């Protein structure tokens, strides 16, 4: 798989997970630290994914890096950060399943062939990244953020 396309799809997903985690923790959305943190976390997670470790280790690393980022840059405890992040990752997994199954039902695409085609992987992965970002914005409107949530 083309690494550049893989990163292009992973970065918005990670930014979405981070943004949704922050809104669930009632931290106001500040896009500069979210985009910077999400980009760095995504690149590190992608590098871990390319290493010959057990399948799924990059997901655990991504989860822990998001928890660490939120705990260190906001006034949220590590335990609350973990709960918000795990909720966001579960939400992402749900949307990935829904999007992939919907595309499989609506088209003749074989789900097993998708990971081998970089462009197709990117195009199918973008809807859930966009959904996560929209969901984060909507949740921030409903779940009013606390003031002084950021340390930075």
Protein backbone atom coordinates (compact mmCIF):
# COMPACT_ATOMS: atom_id res chain seq x y z
CA UNK A 1 0.00 0.00 0.00
CA UNK A 2 1.20 3.49 -0.82
CA UNK A 3 2.37 5.00 2.48
CA UNK A 4 1.48 8.59 1.51
CA UNK A 5 -2.14 7.69 0.73
CA UNK A 6 -2.27 5.58 3.89
CA UNK A 7 -1.14 8.60 5.95
CA UNK A 8 -3.55 10.95 4.15
CA UNK A 9 -6.43 8.76 5.28
CA UNK A 10 -5.08 8.07 8.79
CA UNK A 11 -4.39 11.67 9.78
CA UNK A 12 -8.00 12.92 9.44
CA UNK A 13 -9.24 9.82 11.31
CA UNK A 14 -6.85 10.47 14.18
CA UNK A 15 -7.76 14.16 14.26
CA UNK A 16 -11.41 13.08 14.40
CA UNK A 17 -10.75 10.66 17.26
CA UNK A 18 -8.83 13.32 19.16
CA UNK A 19 -11.49 16.00 18.54
CA UNK A 20 -14.34 13.70 19.59
CA UNK A 21 -12.40 12.59 22.68
CA UNK A 22 -11.89 16.22 23.68
CA UNK A 23 -15.54 17.13 23.21
CA UNK A 24 -16.64 14.08 25.21
CA UNK A 25 -14.32 15.30 27.97
CA UNK A 26 -15.95 18.76 27.65
CA UNK A 27 -12.78 20.46 26.40
CA UNK A 28 -13.34 23.25 23.84
CA UNK A 29 -12.20 22.48 20.31
CA UNK A 30 -8.98 24.32 19.52
CA UNK A 31 -8.01 23.14 16.06
CA UNK A 32 -4.31 24.02 16.02
CA UNK A 33 -3.30 21.68 18.88
CA UNK A 34 -5.83 19.07 17.73
CA UNK A 35 -4.51 18.99 14.16
CA UNK A 36 -0.86 19.08 15.26
CA UNK A 37 -1.35 16.39 17.90
CA UNK A 38 -3.52 14.25 15.62
CA UNK A 39 -0.98 14.48 12.79
CA UNK A 40 1.95 13.50 15.00
CA UNK A 41 0.01 10.68 16.69
CA UNK A 42 -1.14 9.37 13.31
CA UNK A 43 2.38 9.35 11.86
CA UNK A 44 3.78 7.51 14.90
CA UNK A 45 0.88 5.04 14.84
CA UNK A 46 1.38 4.42 11.11
CA UNK A 47 5.10 3.82 11.68
CA UNK A 48 4.24 1.28 14.38
CA UNK A 49 1.78 -0.39 12.00
CA UNK A 50 4.54 -0.87 9.43
CA UNK A 51 6.75 -2.69 11.96
CA UNK A 52 6.57 -6.49 12.18
CA UNK A 53 4.63 -6.55 15.46
CA UNK A 54 1.33 -8.14 16.34
CA UNK A 55 -1.69 -7.01 14.38
CA UNK A 56 -3.57 -4.22 16.15
CA UNK A 57 -0.66 -2.99 18.25
CA UNK A 58 -0.81 0.35 16.44
CA UNK A 59 -4.42 0.78 17.62
CA UNK A 60 -3.39 0.31 21.25
CA UNK A 61 -0.50 2.73 20.71
CA UNK A 62 -2.86 5.25 19.09
CA UNK A 63 -5.27 4.97 22.01
CA UNK A 64 -2.52 5.47 24.59
CA UNK A 65 -0.96 8.38 22.70
CA UNK A 66 -4.34 10.13 22.51
CA UNK A 67 -4.89 9.57 26.25
CA UNK A 68 -1.41 10.93 26.98
CA UNK A 69 -1.92 13.95 24.69
CA UNK A 70 -5.25 14.86 26.31
CA UNK A 71 -3.99 14.29 29.86
CA UNK A 72 -0.88 16.44 29.29
CA UNK A 73 -2.42 19.30 27.29
CA UNK A 74 -5.70 19.69 29.19
CA UNK A 75 -6.90 19.76 32.76
CA UNK A 76 -8.56 16.35 32.37
CA UNK A 77 -7.40 13.39 34.46
CA UNK A 78 -5.81 10.41 32.74
CA UNK A 79 -8.77 8.18 33.67
CA UNK A 80 -11.34 10.58 32.18
CA UNK A 81 -9.09 10.99 29.14
CA UNK A 82 -8.97 7.19 28.75
CA UNK A 83 -12.76 6.88 28.93
CA UNK A 84 -13.28 9.66 26.37
CA UNK A 85 -10.64 8.25 24.02
CA UNK A 86 -11.88 4.65 24.21
CA UNK A 87 -15.40 5.94 23.50
CA UNK A 88 -14.11 7.79 20.43
CA UNK A 89 -12.17 4.77 19.15
CA UNK A 90 -15.25 2.57 19.58
CA UNK A 91 -17.27 5.18 17.68
CA UNK A 92 -14.70 5.16 14.87
CA UNK A 93 -14.80 1.35 14.71
CA UNK A 94 -18.60 1.49 14.50
CA UNK A 95 -18.50 3.98 11.63
CA UNK A 96 -15.80 1.95 9.83
CA UNK A 97 -18.00 -1.14 9.97
CA UNK A 98 -21.08 0.77 8.82
CA UNK A 99 -19.26 2.47 5.94
CA UNK A 100 -17.48 -0.70 4.76
CA UNK A 101 -20.62 -2.84 4.91
CA UNK A 102 -22.69 -0.14 3.21
CA UNK A 103 -20.19 0.12 0.37
CA UNK A 104 -20.09 -3.66 0.05
CA UNK A 105 -23.90 -3.80 -0.17
CA UNK A 106 -24.19 -0.89 -2.61
CA UNK A 107 -21.38 -1.99 -4.92
CA UNK A 108 -19.78 -5.20 -6.11
CA UNK A 109 -16.54 -4.48 -4.27
CA UNK A 110 -14.93 -7.32 -2.40
CA UNK A 111 -14.02 -6.12 1.11
CA UNK A 112 -10.88 -8.28 1.06
CA UNK A 113 -9.58 -6.42 -2.00
CA UNK A 114 -9.91 -2.95 -0.47
CA UNK A 115 -6.68 -2.98 1.63
CA UNK A 116 -4.61 -3.85 -1.43
CA UNK A 117 -5.79 -0.80 -3.41
CA UNK A 118 -4.37 2.39 -1.85
CA UNK A 119 -6.68 4.83 -3.58
CA UNK A 120 -9.77 2.75 -2.81
CA UNK A 121 -8.65 2.44 0.83
CA UNK A 122 -8.32 6.23 0.99
CA UNK A 123 -11.71 6.90 -0.62
CA UNK A 124 -13.54 4.41 1.59
CA UNK A 125 -11.74 5.63 4.73
CA UNK A 126 -12.52 9.31 4.29
CA UNK A 127 -16.27 9.15 5.06
CA UNK A 128 -15.71 7.90 8.61
CA UNK A 129 -13.02 10.54 9.18
CA UNK A 130 -15.44 13.25 8.02
CA UNK A 131 -18.23 11.77 10.15
CA UNK A 132 -15.96 11.81 13.22
CA UNK A 133 -15.10 15.50 12.67
CA UNK A 134 -18.74 16.46 12.15
CA UNK A 135 -19.75 14.44 15.22
CA UNK A 136 -17.09 16.19 17.31
CA UNK A 137 -18.42 19.60 16.25
CA UNK A 138 -22.03 18.57 16.95
CA UNK A 139 -21.16 17.10 20.35
CA UNK A 140 -19.29 20.30 21.26
CA UNK A 141 -22.47 22.28 20.53
CA UNK A 142 -24.61 19.99 22.70
CA UNK A 143 -22.11 19.13 25.44
CA UNK A 144 -20.99 22.63 26.40
CA UNK A 145 -17.22 22.74 27.06
CA UNK A 146 -15.82 23.96 30.34
CA UNK A 147 -13.72 27.11 30.32
CA UNK A 148 -9.99 26.83 31.01
CA UNK A 149 -9.89 23.24 29.83
CA UNK A 150 -6.58 23.59 28.02
CA UNK A 151 -3.19 23.89 29.74
CA UNK A 152 -1.50 25.10 26.57
